[in-house]
Amino acid sequence: MEYWDEVIRESFDETGINATEDQIRFVVDAVKGSHEMYSECHGYLDIPNPLEEENKKLKKELDEEKNKSNCPKCRGKGHITTPGPYHSATSVCFFCNGEGRL
């Protein structure tokens, strides 16, 4: 016996619905056709939406960025300038690696 045929017949028996053989066949064909078209109407459930995944990733990155604070050594500039009597030297901040935020 076919799967949908068996399911429909058992459902009708359990609920007390009396139907002719033609009526049962019609319902079985309708349910089978609906099931085949489900993925086209609602998409495949096991394939993630790339936009949702990208949004989750970007939200996580934004939250991490919000939690950062300015580097105390360079005060958020990313570089340190050391003044001298006749010259000055600028280098990448060793504490934050030039990012300016921790």
PDB file of N, CA and C in Angstrom:
ATOM      1  N   MET A   1       0.846  -1.185   0.000  1.00  0.00           N
ATOM      2  CA  MET A   1       0.000   0.000   0.000  1.00  0.00           C
ATOM      3  C   MET A   1       0.887   1.241   0.000  1.00  0.00           C
ATOM      4  N   GLU A   2       0.497   2.244  -0.705  1.00  0.00           N
ATOM      5  CA  GLU A   2       1.234   3.497  -0.825  1.00  0.00           C
ATOM      6  C   GLU A   2       1.148   4.302   0.481  1.00  0.00           C
ATOM      7  N   TYR A   3       2.214   5.046   0.767  1.00  0.00           N
ATOM      8  CA  TYR A   3       2.303   5.780   2.035  1.00  0.00           C
ATOM      9  C   TYR A   3       1.121   6.727   2.239  1.00  0.00           C
ATOM     10  N   TRP A   4       0.875   7.625   1.287  1.00  0.00           N
ATOM     11  CA  TRP A   4      -0.192   8.626   1.483  1.00  0.00           C
ATOM     12  C   TRP A   4      -1.571   7.968   1.517  1.00  0.00           C
ATOM     13  N   ASP A   5      -1.746   6.918   0.762  1.00  0.00           N
ATOM     14  CA  ASP A   5      -3.017   6.184   0.767  1.00  0.00           C
ATOM     15  C   ASP A   5      -3.272   5.624   2.168  1.00  0.00           C
ATOM     16  N   GLU A   6      -2.245   5.022   2.751  1.00  0.00           N
ATOM     17  CA  GLU A   6      -2.379   4.448   4.086  1.00  0.00           C
ATOM     18  C   GLU A   6      -2.634   5.527   5.133  1.00  0.00           C
ATOM     19  N   VAL A   7      -1.914   6.644   5.038  1.00  0.00           N
ATOM     20  CA  VAL A   7      -2.082   7.736   6.005  1.00  0.00           C
ATOM     21  C   VAL A   7      -3.505   8.294   5.954  1.00  0.00           C
ATOM     22  N   ILE A   8      -4.008   8.533   4.763  1.00  0.00           N
ATOM     23  CA  ILE A   8      -5.355   9.109   4.609  1.00  0.00           C
ATOM     24  C   ILE A   8      -6.414   8.124   5.111  1.00  0.00           C
ATOM     25  N   ARG A   9      -6.277   6.859   4.752  1.00  0.00           N
ATOM     26  CA  ARG A   9      -7.264   5.864   5.196  1.00  0.00           C
ATOM     27  C   ARG A   9      -7.285   5.747   6.722  1.00  0.00           C
ATOM     28  N   GLU A  10      -6.094   5.709   7.345  1.00  0.00           N
ATOM     29  CA  GLU A  10      -6.040   5.624   8.805  1.00  0.00           C
ATOM     30  C   GLU A  10      -6.624   6.877   9.452  1.00  0.00           C
ATOM     31  N   SER A  11      -6.339   8.040   8.867  1.00  0.00           N
ATOM     32  CA  SER A  11      -6.881   9.292   9.419  1.00  0.00           C
ATOM     33  C   SER A  11      -8.395   9.312   9.337  1.00  0.00           C
ATOM     34  N   PHE A  12      -8.920   8.875   8.203  1.00  0.00           N
ATOM     35  CA  PHE A  12     -10.374   8.827   8.049  1.00  0.00           C
ATOM     36  C   PHE A  12     -10.989   7.847   9.043  1.00  0.00           C
ATOM     37  N   ASP A  13     -10.347   6.673   9.224  1.00  0.00           N
ATOM     38  CA  ASP A  13     -10.869   5.676  10.164  1.00  0.00           C
ATOM     39  C   ASP A  13     -10.859   6.208  11.596  1.00  0.00           C
ATOM     40  N   GLU A  14      -9.758   6.870  11.989  1.00  0.00           N
ATOM     41  CA  GLU A  14      -9.640   7.371  13.356  1.00  0.00           C
ATOM     42  C   GLU A  14     -10.627   8.491  13.660  1.00  0.00           C
ATOM     43  N   THR A  15     -10.975   9.280  12.649  1.00  0.00           N
ATOM     44  CA  THR A  15     -11.899  10.396  12.874  1.00  0.00           C
ATOM     45  C   THR A  15     -13.335  10.047  12.528  1.00  0.00           C
ATOM     46  N   GLY A  16     -13.555   8.851  12.016  1.00  0.00           N
ATOM     47  CA  GLY A  16     -14.908   8.416  11.699  1.00  0.00           C
ATOM     48  C   GLY A  16     -15.467   9.001  10.412  1.00  0.00           C
ATOM     49  N   ILE A  17     -14.604   9.391   9.501  1.00  0.00           N
ATOM     50  CA  ILE A  17     -15.071   9.944   8.219  1.00  0.00           C
ATOM     51  C   ILE A  17     -15.342   8.795   7.268  1.00  0.00           C
ATOM     52  N   ASN A  18     -16.530   8.778   6.708  1.00  0.00           N
ATOM     53  CA  ASN A  18     -16.892   7.782   5.703  1.00  0.00           C
ATOM     54  C   ASN A  18     -16.720   8.398   4.333  1.00  0.00           C
ATOM     55  N   ALA A  19     -15.925   7.751   3.484  1.00  0.00           N
ATOM     56  CA  ALA A  19     -15.678   8.276   2.144  1.00  0.00           C
ATOM     57  C   ALA A  19     -15.663   7.122   1.158  1.00  0.00           C
ATOM     58  N   THR A  20     -16.052   7.423  -0.060  1.00  0.00           N
ATOM     59  CA  THR A  20     -16.011   6.410  -1.109  1.00  0.00           C
ATOM     60  C   THR A  20     -14.571   6.245  -1.569  1.00  0.00           C
ATOM     61  N   GLU A  21     -14.325   5.209  -2.360  1.00  0.00           N
ATOM     62  CA  GLU A  21     -12.980   4.946  -2.875  1.00  0.00           C
ATOM     63  C   GLU A  21     -12.506   6.104  -3.760  1.00  0.00           C
ATOM     64  N   ASP A  22     -13.400   6.674  -4.548  1.00  0.00           N
ATOM     65  CA  ASP A  22     -13.040   7.814  -5.401  1.00  0.00           C
ATOM     66  C   ASP A  22     -12.687   9.042  -4.554  1.00  0.00           C
ATOM     67  N   GLN A  23     -13.427   9.277  -3.489  1.00  0.00           N
ATOM     68  CA  GLN A  23     -13.135  10.410  -2.610  1.00  0.00           C
ATOM     69  C   GLN A  23     -11.780  10.233  -1.918  1.00  0.00           C
ATOM     70  N   ILE A  24     -11.507   9.022  -1.464  1.00  0.00           N
ATOM     71  CA  ILE A  24     -10.211   8.753  -0.828  1.00  0.00           C
ATOM     72  C   ILE A  24      -9.089   8.962  -1.830  1.00  0.00           C
ATOM     73  N   ARG A  25      -9.254   8.456  -3.048  1.00  0.00           N
ATOM     74  CA  ARG A  25      -8.231   8.607  -4.085  1.00  0.00           C
ATOM     75  C   ARG A  25      -8.004  10.090  -4.385  1.00  0.00           C
ATOM     76  N   PHE A  26      -9.064  10.887  -4.443  1.00  0.00           N
ATOM     77  CA  PHE A  26      -8.941  12.324  -4.704  1.00  0.00           C
ATOM     78  C   PHE A  26      -8.142  13.017  -3.593  1.00  0.00           C
ATOM     79  N   VAL A  27      -8.452  12.705  -2.325  1.00  0.00           N
ATOM     80  CA  VAL A  27      -7.737  13.310  -1.197  1.00  0.00           C
ATOM     81  C   VAL A  27      -6.276  12.867  -1.198  1.00  0.00           C
ATOM     82  N   VAL A  28      -6.020  11.594  -1.469  1.00  0.00           N
ATOM     83  CA  VAL A  28      -4.643  11.089  -1.521  1.00  0.00           C
ATOM     84  C   VAL A  28      -3.851  11.832  -2.598  1.00  0.00           C
ATOM     85  N   ASP A  29      -4.429  11.983  -3.787  1.00  0.00           N
ATOM     86  CA  ASP A  29      -3.733  12.693  -4.873  1.00  0.00           C
ATOM     87  C   ASP A  29      -3.491  14.159  -4.517  1.00  0.00           C
ATOM     88  N   ALA A  30      -4.456  14.797  -3.848  1.00  0.00           N
ATOM     89  CA  ALA A  30      -4.302  16.202  -3.455  1.00  0.00           C
ATOM     90  C   ALA A  30      -3.192  16.360  -2.418  1.00  0.00           C
ATOM     91  N   VAL A  31      -3.164  15.479  -1.442  1.00  0.00           N
ATOM     92  CA  VAL A  31      -2.133  15.553  -0.396  1.00  0.00           C
ATOM     93  C   VAL A  31      -0.757  15.256  -0.989  1.00  0.00           C
ATOM     94  N   LYS A  32      -0.678  14.257  -1.849  1.00  0.00           N
ATOM     95  CA  LYS A  32       0.595  13.908  -2.470  1.00  0.00           C
ATOM     96  C   LYS A  32       1.119  15.074  -3.314  1.00  0.00           C
ATOM     97  N   GLY A  33       0.252  15.697  -4.095  1.00  0.00           N
ATOM     98  CA  GLY A  33       0.655  16.844  -4.905  1.00  0.00           C
ATOM     99  C   GLY A  33       1.069  18.035  -4.053  1.00  0.00           C
ATOM    100  N   SER A  34       0.338  18.260  -2.971  1.00  0.00           N
ATOM    101  CA  SER A  34       0.686  19.359  -2.066  1.00  0.00           C
ATOM    102  C   SER A  34       2.041  19.127  -1.423  1.00  0.00           C
ATOM    103  N   HIS A  35       2.304  17.896  -1.032  1.00  0.00           N
ATOM    104  CA  HIS A  35       3.584  17.575  -0.402  1.00  0.00           C
ATOM    105  C   HIS A  35       4.742  17.774  -1.379  1.00  0.00           C
ATOM    106  N   GLU A  36       4.547  17.403  -2.627  1.00  0.00           N
ATOM    107  CA  GLU A  36       5.598  17.575  -3.642  1.00  0.00           C
ATOM    108  C   GLU A  36       5.891  19.052  -3.905  1.00  0.00           C
ATOM    109  N   MET A  37       4.885  19.910  -3.770  1.00  0.00           N
ATOM    110  CA  MET A  37       5.059  21.337  -4.053  1.00  0.00           C
ATOM    111  C   MET A  37       5.470  22.141  -2.818  1.00  0.00           C
ATOM    112  N   TYR A  38       5.518  21.505  -1.655  1.00  0.00           N
ATOM    113  CA  TYR A  38       5.815  22.220  -0.403  1.00  0.00           C
ATOM    114  C   TYR A  38       7.146  22.954  -0.473  1.00  0.00           C
ATOM    115  N   SER A  39       8.184  22.276  -0.947  1.00  0.00           N
ATOM    116  CA  SER A  39       9.506  22.906  -0.965  1.00  0.00           C
ATOM    117  C   SER A  39       9.558  24.093  -1.917  1.00  0.00           C
ATOM    118  N   GLU A  40       8.775  24.059  -2.984  1.00  0.00           N
ATOM    119  CA  GLU A  40       8.750  25.183  -3.917  1.00  0.00           C
ATOM    120  C   GLU A  40       8.041  26.397  -3.313  1.00  0.00           C
ATOM    121  N   CYS A  41       7.054  26.134  -2.471  1.00  0.00           N
ATOM    122  CA  CYS A  41       6.309  27.233  -1.851  1.00  0.00           C
ATOM    123  C   CYS A  41       7.033  27.819  -0.639  1.00  0.00           C
ATOM    124  N   HIS A  42       7.692  26.974   0.132  1.00  0.00           N
ATOM    125  CA  HIS A  42       8.281  27.411   1.391  1.00  0.00           C
ATOM    126  C   HIS A  42       9.800  27.327   1.412  1.00  0.00           C
ATOM    127  N   GLY A  43      10.412  26.860   0.364  1.00  0.00           N
ATOM    128  CA  GLY A  43      11.867  26.714   0.327  1.00  0.00           C
ATOM    129  C   GLY A  43      12.302  25.493   1.117  1.00  0.00           C
ATOM    130  N   TYR A  44      13.499  25.086   0.856  1.00  0.00           N
ATOM    131  CA  TYR A  44      14.040  23.935   1.570  1.00  0.00           C
ATOM    132  C   TYR A  44      14.424  24.368   2.969  1.00  0.00           C
ATOM    133  N   LEU A  45      13.996  23.617   3.950  1.00  0.00           N
ATOM    134  CA  LEU A  45      14.203  23.992   5.341  1.00  0.00           C
ATOM    135  C   LEU A  45      15.638  23.776   5.794  1.00  0.00           C
ATOM    136  N   ASP A  46      16.389  22.892   5.117  1.00  0.00           N
ATOM    137  CA  ASP A  46      17.738  22.600   5.572  1.00  0.00           C
ATOM    138  C   ASP A  46      18.798  23.481   4.906  1.00  0.00           C
ATOM    139  N   ILE A  47      18.411  24.367   4.005  1.00  0.00           N
ATOM    140  CA  ILE A  47      19.363  25.262   3.362  1.00  0.00           C
ATOM    141  C   ILE A  47      19.254  26.625   4.040  1.00  0.00           C
ATOM    142  N   PRO A  48      20.340  27.071   4.698  1.00  0.00           N
ATOM    143  CA  PRO A  48      20.271  28.363   5.391  1.00  0.00           C
ATOM    144  C   PRO A  48      20.215  29.527   4.404  1.00  0.00           C
ATOM    145  N   ASN A  49      19.541  30.569   4.813  1.00  0.00           N
ATOM    146  CA  ASN A  49      19.457  31.773   4.008  1.00  0.00           C
ATOM    147  C   ASN A  49      20.773  32.531   4.150  1.00  0.00           C
ATOM    148  N   PRO A  50      21.500  32.778   3.044  1.00  0.00           N
ATOM    149  CA  PRO A  50      22.799  33.451   3.156  1.00  0.00           C
ATOM    150  C   PRO A  50      22.698  34.865   3.715  1.00  0.00           C
ATOM    151  N   LEU A  51      21.591  35.556   3.476  1.00  0.00           N
ATOM    152  CA  LEU A  51      21.438  36.902   4.018  1.00  0.00           C
ATOM    153  C   LEU A  51      21.301  36.877   5.539  1.00  0.00           C
ATOM    154  N   GLU A  52      20.590  35.889   6.062  1.00  0.00           N
ATOM    155  CA  GLU A  52      20.449  35.772   7.511  1.00  0.00           C
ATOM    156  C   GLU A  52      21.794  35.456   8.155  1.00  0.00           C
ATOM    157  N   GLU A  53      22.570  34.575   7.520  1.00  0.00           N
ATOM    158  CA  GLU A  53      23.886  34.231   8.050  1.00  0.00           C
ATOM    159  C   GLU A  53      24.810  35.445   8.026  1.00  0.00           C
ATOM    160  N   GLU A  54      24.765  36.224   6.957  1.00  0.00           N
ATOM    161  CA  GLU A  54      25.590  37.427   6.844  1.00  0.00           C
ATOM    162  C   GLU A  54      25.181  38.456   7.899  1.00  0.00           C
ATOM    163  N   ASN A  55      23.875  38.620   8.103  1.00  0.00           N
ATOM    164  CA  ASN A  55      23.393  39.569   9.115  1.00  0.00           C
ATOM    165  C   ASN A  55      23.831  39.158  10.516  1.00  0.00           C
ATOM    166  N   LYS A  56      23.778  37.861  10.829  1.00  0.00           N
ATOM    167  CA  LYS A  56      24.228  37.388  12.133  1.00  0.00           C
ATOM    168  C   LYS A  56      25.712  37.675  12.325  1.00  0.00           C
ATOM    169  N   LYS A  57      26.504  37.421  11.278  1.00  0.00           N
ATOM    170  CA  LYS A  57      27.943  37.657  11.352  1.00  0.00           C
ATOM    171  C   LYS A  57      28.247  39.140  11.562  1.00  0.00           C
ATOM    172  N   LEU A  58      27.579  39.991  10.800  1.00  0.00           N
ATOM    173  CA  LEU A  58      27.813  41.429  10.918  1.00  0.00           C
ATOM    174  C   LEU A  58      27.347  41.970  12.269  1.00  0.00           C
ATOM    175  N   LYS A  59      26.235  41.456  12.779  1.00  0.00           N
ATOM    176  CA  LYS A  59      25.754  41.893  14.095  1.00  0.00           C
ATOM    177  C   LYS A  59      26.757  41.511  15.172  1.00  0.00           C
ATOM    178  N   LYS A  60      27.328  40.309  15.070  1.00  0.00           N
ATOM    179  CA  LYS A  60      28.326  39.863  16.034  1.00  0.00           C
ATOM    180  C   LYS A  60      29.559  40.770  15.976  1.00  0.00           C
ATOM    181  N   GLU A  61      30.011  41.097  14.764  1.00  0.00           N
ATOM    182  CA  GLU A  61      31.171  41.978  14.606  1.00  0.00           C
ATOM    183  C   GLU A  61      30.872  43.374  15.156  1.00  0.00           C
ATOM    184  N   LEU A  62      29.661  43.879  14.927  1.00  0.00           N
ATOM    185  CA  LEU A  62      29.284  45.190  15.436  1.00  0.00           C
ATOM    186  C   LEU A  62      29.262  45.201  16.957  1.00  0.00           C
ATOM    187  N   ASP A  63      28.702  44.148  17.560  1.00  0.00           N
ATOM    188  CA  ASP A  63      28.674  44.054  19.022  1.00  0.00           C
ATOM    189  C   ASP A  63      30.087  44.012  19.599  1.00  0.00           C
ATOM    190  N   GLU A  64      30.989  43.271  18.933  1.00  0.00           N
ATOM    191  CA  GLU A  64      32.375  43.218  19.395  1.00  0.00           C
ATOM    192  C   GLU A  64      33.035  44.587  19.293  1.00  0.00           C
ATOM    193  N   GLU A  65      32.751  45.307  18.206  1.00  0.00           N
ATOM    194  CA  GLU A  65      33.334  46.634  18.012  1.00  0.00           C
ATOM    195  C   GLU A  65      32.801  47.628  19.052  1.00  0.00           C
ATOM    196  N   LYS A  66      31.522  47.514  19.388  1.00  0.00           N
ATOM    197  CA  LYS A  66      30.925  48.403  20.388  1.00  0.00           C
ATOM    198  C   LYS A  66      31.553  48.197  21.763  1.00  0.00           C
ATOM    199  N   ASN A  67      31.969  46.964  22.046  1.00  0.00           N
ATOM    200  CA  ASN A  67      32.541  46.656  23.351  1.00  0.00           C
ATOM    201  C   ASN A  67      34.006  47.063  23.482  1.00  0.00           C
ATOM    202  N   LYS A  68      34.626  47.480  22.393  1.00  0.00           N
ATOM    203  CA  LYS A  68      36.021  47.900  22.446  1.00  0.00           C
ATOM    204  C   LYS A  68      36.127  49.302  23.040  1.00  0.00           C
ATOM    205  N   SER A  69      37.306  49.579  23.622  1.00  0.00           N
ATOM    206  CA  SER A  69      37.576  50.922  24.143  1.00  0.00           C
ATOM    207  C   SER A  69      38.884  51.423  23.542  1.00  0.00           C
ATOM    208  N   ASN A  70      39.093  52.712  23.618  1.00  0.00           N
ATOM    209  CA  ASN A  70      40.311  53.296  23.072  1.00  0.00           C
ATOM    210  C   ASN A  70      41.539  52.778  23.812  1.00  0.00           C
ATOM    211  N   CYS A  71      42.621  52.622  23.064  1.00  0.00           N
ATOM    212  CA  CYS A  71      43.883  52.161  23.634  1.00  0.00           C
ATOM    213  C   CYS A  71      44.430  53.226  24.594  1.00  0.00           C
ATOM    214  N   PRO A  72      44.818  52.829  25.798  1.00  0.00           N
ATOM    215  CA  PRO A  72      45.325  53.823  26.751  1.00  0.00           C
ATOM    216  C   PRO A  72      46.708  54.367  26.380  1.00  0.00           C
ATOM    217  N   LYS A  73      47.498  53.628  25.611  1.00  0.00           N
ATOM    218  CA  LYS A  73      48.852  54.071  25.268  1.00  0.00           C
ATOM    219  C   LYS A  73      48.844  55.128  24.173  1.00  0.00           C
ATOM    220  N   CYS A  74      48.060  54.887  23.096  1.00  0.00           N
ATOM    221  CA  CYS A  74      48.040  55.833  21.970  1.00  0.00           C
ATOM    222  C   CYS A  74      46.795  56.709  21.968  1.00  0.00           C
ATOM    223  N   ARG A  75      45.889  56.498  22.923  1.00  0.00           N
ATOM    224  CA  ARG A  75      44.627  57.235  23.044  1.00  0.00           C
ATOM    225  C   ARG A  75      43.755  57.129  21.782  1.00  0.00           C
ATOM    226  N   GLY A  76      43.757  55.944  21.175  1.00  0.00           N
ATOM    227  CA  GLY A  76      42.878  55.676  20.043  1.00  0.00           C
ATOM    228  C   GLY A  76      43.444  56.065  18.691  1.00  0.00           C
ATOM    229  N   LYS A  77      44.669  56.570  18.623  1.00  0.00           N
ATOM    230  CA  LYS A  77      45.248  56.994  17.332  1.00  0.00           C
ATOM    231  C   LYS A  77      45.838  55.834  16.541  1.00  0.00           C
ATOM    232  N   GLY A  78      46.357  54.837  17.231  1.00  0.00           N
ATOM    233  CA  GLY A  78      46.978  53.704  16.546  1.00  0.00           C
ATOM    234  C   GLY A  78      48.471  53.889  16.339  1.00  0.00           C
ATOM    235  N   HIS A  79      48.977  55.059  16.655  1.00  0.00           N
ATOM    236  CA  HIS A  79      50.426  55.296  16.534  1.00  0.00           C
ATOM    237  C   HIS A  79      50.887  56.160  17.703  1.00  0.00           C
ATOM    238  N   ILE A  80      52.161  56.057  17.973  1.00  0.00           N
ATOM    239  CA  ILE A  80      52.752  56.819  19.072  1.00  0.00           C
ATOM    240  C   ILE A  80      53.847  57.710  18.484  1.00  0.00           C
ATOM    241  N   THR A  81      53.794  58.971  18.825  1.00  0.00           N
ATOM    242  CA  THR A  81      54.817  59.918  18.390  1.00  0.00           C
ATOM    243  C   THR A  81      55.690  60.265  19.588  1.00  0.00           C
ATOM    244  N   THR A  82      56.966  60.027  19.411  1.00  0.00           N
ATOM    245  CA  THR A  82      57.916  60.331  20.479  1.00  0.00           C
ATOM    246  C   THR A  82      58.689  61.585  20.076  1.00  0.00           C
ATOM    247  N   PRO A  83      58.508  62.679  20.812  1.00  0.00           N
ATOM    248  CA  PRO A  83      59.221  63.905  20.446  1.00  0.00           C
ATOM    249  C   PRO A  83      60.683  63.870  20.921  1.00  0.00           C
ATOM    250  N   GLY A  84      61.527  64.502  20.156  1.00  0.00           N
ATOM    251  CA  GLY A  84      62.927  64.612  20.542  1.00  0.00           C
ATOM    252  C   GLY A  84      63.357  66.067  20.445  1.00  0.00           C
ATOM    253  N   PRO A  85      64.577  66.360  20.820  1.00  0.00           N
ATOM    254  CA  PRO A  85      65.001  67.755  20.776  1.00  0.00           C
ATOM    255  C   PRO A  85      65.118  68.291  19.348  1.00  0.00           C
ATOM    256  N   TYR A  86      65.536  67.461  18.398  1.00  0.00           N
ATOM    257  CA  TYR A  86      65.716  67.944  17.031  1.00  0.00           C
ATOM    258  C   TYR A  86      64.857  67.182  16.018  1.00  0.00           C
ATOM    259  N   HIS A  87      64.150  66.169  16.455  1.00  0.00           N
ATOM    260  CA  HIS A  87      63.302  65.363  15.560  1.00  0.00           C
ATOM    261  C   HIS A  87      62.207  64.682  16.388  1.00  0.00           C
ATOM    262  N   SER A  88      61.277  64.041  15.694  1.00  0.00           N
ATOM    263  CA  SER A  88      60.280  63.225  16.379  1.00  0.00           C
ATOM    264  C   SER A  88      60.153  61.909  15.617  1.00  0.00           C
ATOM    265  N   ALA A  89      59.790  60.871  16.326  1.00  0.00           N
ATOM    266  CA  ALA A  89      59.632  59.542  15.719  1.00  0.00           C
ATOM    267  C   ALA A  89      58.195  59.075  15.908  1.00  0.00           C
ATOM    268  N   THR A  90      57.629  58.537  14.854  1.00  0.00           N
ATOM    269  CA  THR A  90      56.276  57.996  14.920  1.00  0.00           C
ATOM    270  C   THR A  90      56.347  56.504  14.624  1.00  0.00           C
ATOM    271  N   SER A  91      55.693  55.714  15.449  1.00  0.00           N
ATOM    272  CA  SER A  91      55.683  54.264  15.236  1.00  0.00           C
ATOM    273  C   SER A  91      54.292  53.715  15.557  1.00  0.00           C
ATOM    274  N   VAL A  92      54.057  52.523  15.097  1.00  0.00           N
ATOM    275  CA  VAL A  92      52.788  51.848  15.367  1.00  0.00           C
ATOM    276  C   VAL A  92      52.724  51.527  16.856  1.00  0.00           C
ATOM    277  N   CYS A  93      51.564  51.724  17.415  1.00  0.00           N
ATOM    278  CA  CYS A  93      51.387  51.461  18.851  1.00  0.00           C
ATOM    279  C   CYS A  93      51.635  49.978  19.134  1.00  0.00           C
ATOM    280  N   PHE A  94      52.507  49.696  20.072  1.00  0.00           N
ATOM    281  CA  PHE A  94      52.849  48.311  20.424  1.00  0.00           C
ATOM    282  C   PHE A  94      51.752  47.654  21.258  1.00  0.00           C
ATOM    283  N   PHE A  95      50.927  48.444  21.879  1.00  0.00           N
ATOM    284  CA  PHE A  95      49.910  47.918  22.785  1.00  0.00           C
ATOM    285  C   PHE A  95      48.675  47.410  22.022  1.00  0.00           C
ATOM    286  N   CYS A  96      48.251  48.170  21.015  1.00  0.00           N
ATOM    287  CA  CYS A  96      47.043  47.786  20.239  1.00  0.00           C
ATOM    288  C   CYS A  96      47.378  47.344  18.820  1.00  0.00           C
ATOM    289  N   ASN A  97      48.655  47.280  18.473  1.00  0.00           N
ATOM    290  CA  ASN A  97      49.111  46.912  17.130  1.00  0.00           C
ATOM    291  C   ASN A  97      48.562  47.843  16.045  1.00  0.00           C
ATOM    292  N   GLY A  98      48.405  49.094  16.353  1.00  0.00           N
ATOM    293  CA  GLY A  98      47.992  50.089  15.385  1.00  0.00           C
ATOM    294  C   GLY A  98      46.500  50.218  15.160  1.00  0.00           C
ATOM    295  N   GLU A  99      45.695  49.458  15.882  1.00  0.00           N
ATOM    296  CA  GLU A  99      44.244  49.538  15.688  1.00  0.00           C
ATOM    297  C   GLU A  99      43.614  50.688  16.458  1.00  0.00           C
ATOM    298  N   GLY A 100      44.208  51.109  17.536  1.00  0.00           N
ATOM    299  CA  GLY A 100      43.677  52.213  18.321  1.00  0.00           C
ATOM    300  C   GLY A 100      42.590  51.826  19.307  1.00  0.00           C
ATOM    301  N   ARG A 101      42.124  50.595  19.206  1.00  0.00           N
ATOM    302  CA  ARG A 101      41.053  50.127  20.104  1.00  0.00           C
ATOM    303  C   ARG A 101      41.386  48.752  20.623  1.00  0.00           C
ATOM    304  N   LEU A 102      40.918  48.472  21.818  1.00  0.00           N
ATOM    305  CA  LEU A 102      41.127  47.166  22.458  1.00  0.00           C
ATOM    306  C   LEU A 102      39.802  46.532  22.774  1.00  0.00           C
TER     307      LEU A 102
END
